[in-house]
Protein backbone atom coordinates (compact mmCIF):
# COMPACT_ATOMS: atom_id res chain seq x y z
CA MET A 1 5.08 0.95 6.54
CA ARG A 2 4.94 4.36 8.20
CA GLU A 3 8.32 3.82 9.80
CA ALA A 4 9.86 3.00 6.43
CA PHE A 5 8.36 6.16 4.91
CA GLU A 6 9.59 8.34 7.75
CA LYS A 7 13.07 6.82 7.58
CA TRP A 8 13.19 7.46 3.84
CA ALA A 9 11.82 11.01 4.22
CA LEU A 10 14.35 11.90 6.88
CA GLU A 11 17.12 10.63 4.61
CA GLN A 12 15.87 13.24 2.11
CA ASP A 13 16.39 15.97 4.76
CA GLU A 14 12.66 16.48 5.18
CA ASN A 15 11.21 17.87 8.36
CA LEU A 16 8.22 15.68 9.15
CA THR A 17 5.93 17.10 11.76
CA ARG A 18 2.67 15.69 13.00
CA ALA A 19 -0.45 17.67 12.19
CA GLY A 20 -2.52 18.39 15.23
CA GLY A 21 -0.91 15.59 17.20
CA HIS A 22 -2.41 12.91 14.95
CA GLU A 23 -0.07 10.00 14.42
CA ASP A 24 -1.18 9.38 10.82
CA ARG A 25 -1.23 12.99 9.62
CA TYR A 26 1.69 15.11 8.59
CA ALA A 27 1.93 18.87 8.27
CA TYR A 28 1.93 19.32 4.51
CA PRO A 29 4.99 17.50 3.18
CA ARG A 30 6.17 18.79 -0.18
CA THR A 31 4.51 17.31 -3.27
CA ALA A 32 7.89 16.20 -4.60
CA LEU A 33 8.51 14.23 -1.41
CA LEU A 34 5.17 12.47 -1.73
CA TRP A 35 5.77 11.72 -5.40
CA HIS A 36 9.22 10.23 -4.72
CA ALA A 37 7.84 8.23 -1.81
CA TRP A 38 5.11 6.80 -4.04
CA GLN A 39 7.64 5.95 -6.76
CA ALA A 40 9.89 4.18 -4.24
CA ALA A 41 6.99 2.17 -2.83
CA TYR A 42 5.76 1.28 -6.32
CA ALA A 43 9.23 0.11 -7.41
CA ALA A 44 9.67 -1.92 -4.23
CA GLY A 45 6.29 -3.58 -4.77
CA LEU A 46 7.13 -4.44 -8.35
CA GLU A 47 10.49 -5.88 -7.35
CA ARG A 48 8.84 -8.01 -4.67
CA ALA A 49 6.31 -9.29 -7.22
CA ALA A 50 9.14 -10.13 -9.63
CA GLU A 51 10.97 -12.02 -6.87
CA ILE A 52 7.86 -14.07 -6.09
CA VAL A 53 7.40 -14.99 -9.75
CA GLU A 54 11.11 -15.76 -10.09
CA HIS A 55 11.16 -18.20 -7.18
CA ILE A 56 7.83 -19.93 -7.69
CA GLN A 57 8.05 -23.66 -8.25
CA TRP A 58 5.79 -25.49 -10.63
CA PRO A 59 5.25 -29.22 -11.04
CA VAL A 60 7.12 -31.18 -13.67
CA GLY A 61 5.43 -34.28 -15.00
CA ASN A 62 7.09 -37.62 -15.60
CA SER A 63 6.16 -37.67 -19.24
CA ALA A 64 7.49 -35.83 -22.27
CA ALA A 65 4.25 -33.83 -22.39
CA GLY A 66 4.61 -32.90 -18.72
CA GLU A 67 8.17 -31.75 -19.25
CA MET A 68 7.09 -29.66 -22.25
CA ALA A 69 4.26 -28.09 -20.25
CA ALA A 70 6.66 -27.30 -17.40
CA GLU A 71 9.07 -25.64 -19.83
CA TRP A 72 6.26 -23.54 -21.33
CA THR A 73 5.10 -22.54 -17.85
CA GLY A 74 8.65 -21.58 -16.90
CA GLU A 75 9.02 -19.52 -20.06
CA LYS A 76 5.78 -17.64 -19.36
CA LEU A 77 6.77 -17.02 -15.74
CA ARG A 78 10.13 -15.60 -16.86
CA GLU A 79 8.28 -13.34 -19.31
CA ALA A 80 5.99 -12.17 -16.50
CA ARG A 81 8.99 -11.49 -14.26
CA ASP A 82 10.70 -9.49 -17.00
CA ALA A 83 7.51 -7.51 -17.71
CA ILE A 84 7.15 -6.66 -14.02
CA ARG A 85 10.75 -5.49 -13.82
CA ALA A 86 10.34 -3.46 -17.02
CA ALA A 87 7.36 -1.68 -15.45
CA LYS A 88 9.69 -0.27 -12.79
CA GLY A 89 11.28 1.91 -15.44
CA GLU A 90 7.99 3.46 -16.57
């Protein structure tokens, strides 16, 4: 995770320096950088959640009732996926 953050930060032309030689501490990155990093991580997490919901498989019964239940489940999962993706724009 840290490597991904540092790669992203360096792409933003940020100078990341370690604070006091500690591997997990940085010397005061700009607030805007931290905010954009959080937004990017949040969006990536939401997209991953949407992908999981999108590709989940659910059982389909052999009866008409089972098929109806599977369709309802699929509809609700698609709604959940869409809601997750919509949250990325908030």
